[in-house]
Amino acid sequence: MSRRGLAALLAALPLLVFAAGAMAQWVPSGTLVKVLVVRDCDETGGDVAVSRLDPPTIYLCPRVVELVRKKDPGAEHFYLVHEYGHIALATASEAEADCWAARELAKARNGERYLNAAIRHFMHRPDQPSARYGSPRRRAERIRDCAAM
């Protein structure tokens, strides 16, 4: 195996571990397969995950992923797909990434499970509006609307 192939395999390992833990059915395809996924809570600033466009990279905080998973199993997967949405659309818009993720999960095998978990997750959060995301309730409604549930 070439160094590049080994590097790609090692880069994909955190995603595979994360996805397996979430029993995920959605997997990236096309150019998204090449997106580097890194476990680094410092880069996420305390969030579940964040993405960077140049180079396309997703940073996950395993500690926060686990907290979300314990409270709302499956919701953590929405966050990951949402970050892929930022990269797929080359956008900083949280609403666009939410809709992209909702549509992707709606098409995926067992995707409804993860969508329902994300909707529950946001509905249970305190209703504190954010300039970037809107209120948690609005975010849950956006996911439901975009997934056509």
Protein backbone atom coordinates (compact mmCIF):
# COMPACT_ATOMS: atom_id res chain seq x y z
CA MET A 1 0.00 0.00 0.00
CA SER A 2 1.34 3.43 -0.91
CA ARG A 3 1.95 6.13 1.69
CA ARG A 4 -0.93 8.11 0.23
CA GLY A 5 -3.27 5.12 0.45
CA LEU A 6 -2.20 4.45 4.01
CA ALA A 7 -2.69 8.13 4.89
CA ALA A 8 -6.20 8.05 3.39
CA LEU A 9 -7.03 4.89 5.34
CA LEU A 10 -5.77 6.38 8.59
CA ALA A 11 -7.67 9.60 7.90
CA ALA A 12 -10.90 7.65 7.40
CA LEU A 13 -10.44 5.59 10.57
CA PRO A 14 -11.98 8.16 12.97
CA LEU A 15 -15.02 8.43 10.73
CA LEU A 16 -15.40 4.67 10.59
CA VAL A 17 -15.15 4.39 14.37
CA PHE A 18 -17.58 7.27 14.84
CA ALA A 19 -20.02 5.88 12.28
CA ALA A 20 -19.85 2.36 13.69
CA GLY A 21 -20.56 3.67 17.18
CA ALA A 22 -23.61 5.49 15.91
CA MET A 23 -24.76 2.48 13.85
CA ALA A 24 -24.80 4.91 10.95
CA GLN A 25 -26.28 4.07 7.59
CA TRP A 26 -25.35 7.27 5.75
CA VAL A 27 -21.81 7.29 4.41
CA PRO A 28 -20.10 9.96 2.35
CA SER A 29 -19.82 9.41 -1.38
CA GLY A 30 -18.11 11.04 -4.33
CA THR A 31 -15.57 13.69 -3.39
CA LEU A 32 -16.80 13.64 0.22
CA VAL A 33 -15.08 10.29 0.70
CA LYS A 34 -11.77 12.16 0.65
CA VAL A 35 -12.72 14.55 3.47
CA LEU A 36 -10.34 14.20 6.38
CA VAL A 37 -12.06 13.56 9.74
CA VAL A 38 -9.96 14.43 12.78
CA ARG A 39 -10.67 13.89 16.48
CA ASP A 40 -9.69 17.19 18.08
CA CYS A 41 -11.77 18.86 20.79
CA ASP A 42 -9.53 21.94 20.72
CA GLU A 43 -10.51 22.57 17.08
CA THR A 44 -14.24 22.18 17.79
CA GLY A 45 -14.22 24.80 20.54
CA GLY A 46 -16.50 22.62 22.66
CA ASP A 47 -18.94 21.81 19.84
CA VAL A 48 -19.70 18.30 18.62
CA ALA A 49 -18.06 18.95 15.27
CA VAL A 50 -16.89 21.73 13.00
CA SER A 51 -15.71 21.78 9.41
CA ARG A 52 -13.15 23.70 7.41
CA LEU A 53 -13.33 24.11 3.66
CA ASP A 54 -9.64 24.55 2.88
CA PRO A 55 -8.58 21.84 3.04
CA PRO A 56 -11.90 20.03 3.46
CA THR A 57 -11.72 18.71 7.02
CA ILE A 58 -14.17 17.77 9.75
CA TYR A 59 -13.10 17.98 13.37
CA LEU A 60 -14.96 15.88 15.95
CA CYS A 61 -14.85 16.12 19.72
CA PRO A 62 -15.31 12.52 20.95
CA ARG A 63 -16.13 13.71 24.47
CA VAL A 64 -19.03 15.87 23.24
CA VAL A 65 -20.12 13.20 20.73
CA GLU A 66 -20.45 10.78 23.64
CA LEU A 67 -22.47 13.27 25.71
CA VAL A 68 -24.93 13.77 22.84
CA ARG A 69 -25.08 10.02 22.20
CA LYS A 70 -25.90 9.28 25.84
CA LYS A 71 -28.66 11.88 25.96
CA ASP A 72 -30.16 11.39 22.47
CA PRO A 73 -28.72 8.28 20.78
CA GLY A 74 -28.39 8.87 17.04
CA ALA A 75 -28.45 12.67 17.20
CA GLU A 76 -24.65 12.77 17.06
CA HIS A 77 -24.82 11.37 13.53
CA PHE A 78 -26.85 14.36 12.33
CA TYR A 79 -24.03 16.65 13.46
CA LEU A 80 -21.51 14.72 11.37
CA VAL A 81 -23.68 14.72 8.24
CA HIS A 82 -24.37 18.43 8.82
CA GLU A 83 -20.61 19.14 8.69
CA TYR A 84 -20.36 17.20 5.43
CA GLY A 85 -23.11 19.50 4.19
CA HIS A 86 -20.94 22.56 4.77
CA ILE A 87 -18.23 20.96 2.65
CA ALA A 88 -20.54 19.58 -0.07
CA LEU A 89 -22.19 22.98 -0.52
CA ALA A 90 -19.05 25.05 0.22
CA THR A 91 -21.16 27.16 2.56
CA ALA A 92 -20.96 28.66 6.01
CA SER A 93 -24.77 28.73 6.23
CA GLU A 94 -25.99 26.59 9.11
CA ALA A 95 -29.53 26.45 7.67
CA GLU A 96 -28.24 25.18 4.31
CA ALA A 97 -26.06 22.55 5.99
CA ASP A 98 -29.02 21.47 8.16
CA CYS A 99 -31.23 21.04 5.10
CA TRP A 100 -28.55 19.20 3.17
CA ALA A 101 -28.03 16.81 6.07
CA ALA A 102 -31.77 16.30 6.52
CA ARG A 103 -32.25 15.50 2.81
CA GLU A 104 -29.25 13.15 2.79
CA LEU A 105 -30.47 11.29 5.86
CA ALA A 106 -34.02 11.13 4.51
CA LYS A 107 -32.65 9.15 1.53
CA ALA A 108 -30.46 6.86 3.64
CA ARG A 109 -31.35 3.46 4.97
CA ASN A 110 -32.56 3.98 8.57
CA GLY A 111 -32.05 7.72 8.10
CA GLU A 112 -35.39 8.47 9.71
CA ARG A 113 -34.02 7.10 12.99
CA TYR A 114 -31.23 9.69 12.98
CA LEU A 115 -33.53 12.48 11.86
CA ASN A 116 -35.98 11.72 14.67
CA ALA A 117 -33.10 11.61 17.16
CA ALA A 118 -31.85 15.01 15.97
CA ILE A 119 -35.33 16.51 16.11
CA ARG A 120 -35.81 15.21 19.68
CA HIS A 121 -32.35 16.48 20.60
CA PHE A 122 -33.09 20.03 19.47
CA MET A 123 -36.62 20.03 20.89
CA HIS A 124 -35.20 19.12 24.35
CA ARG A 125 -32.64 21.93 24.34
CA PRO A 126 -33.36 25.23 26.09
CA ASP A 127 -34.99 27.64 23.69
CA GLN A 128 -32.06 30.05 23.43
CA PRO A 129 -31.94 31.63 19.97
CA SER A 130 -28.61 31.76 18.15
CA ALA A 131 -27.78 34.16 15.34
CA ARG A 132 -26.18 31.27 13.42
CA TYR A 133 -28.73 28.50 14.00
CA GLY A 134 -31.95 30.15 15.15
CA SER A 135 -33.68 28.64 18.17
CA PRO A 136 -33.31 24.91 18.84
CA ARG A 137 -37.06 24.52 18.19
CA ARG A 138 -36.70 26.27 14.82
CA ARG A 139 -33.74 24.06 13.98
CA ALA A 140 -35.80 20.94 14.74
CA GLU A 141 -38.60 22.28 12.53
CA ARG A 142 -36.12 23.06 9.74
CA ILE A 143 -34.78 19.49 9.86
CA ARG A 144 -38.32 18.09 9.74
CA ASP A 145 -39.29 20.40 6.85
CA CYS A 146 -36.17 19.74 4.80
CA ALA A 147 -36.52 15.99 5.26
CA ALA A 148 -40.19 16.27 4.25
CA MET A 149 -41.27 14.36 7.36
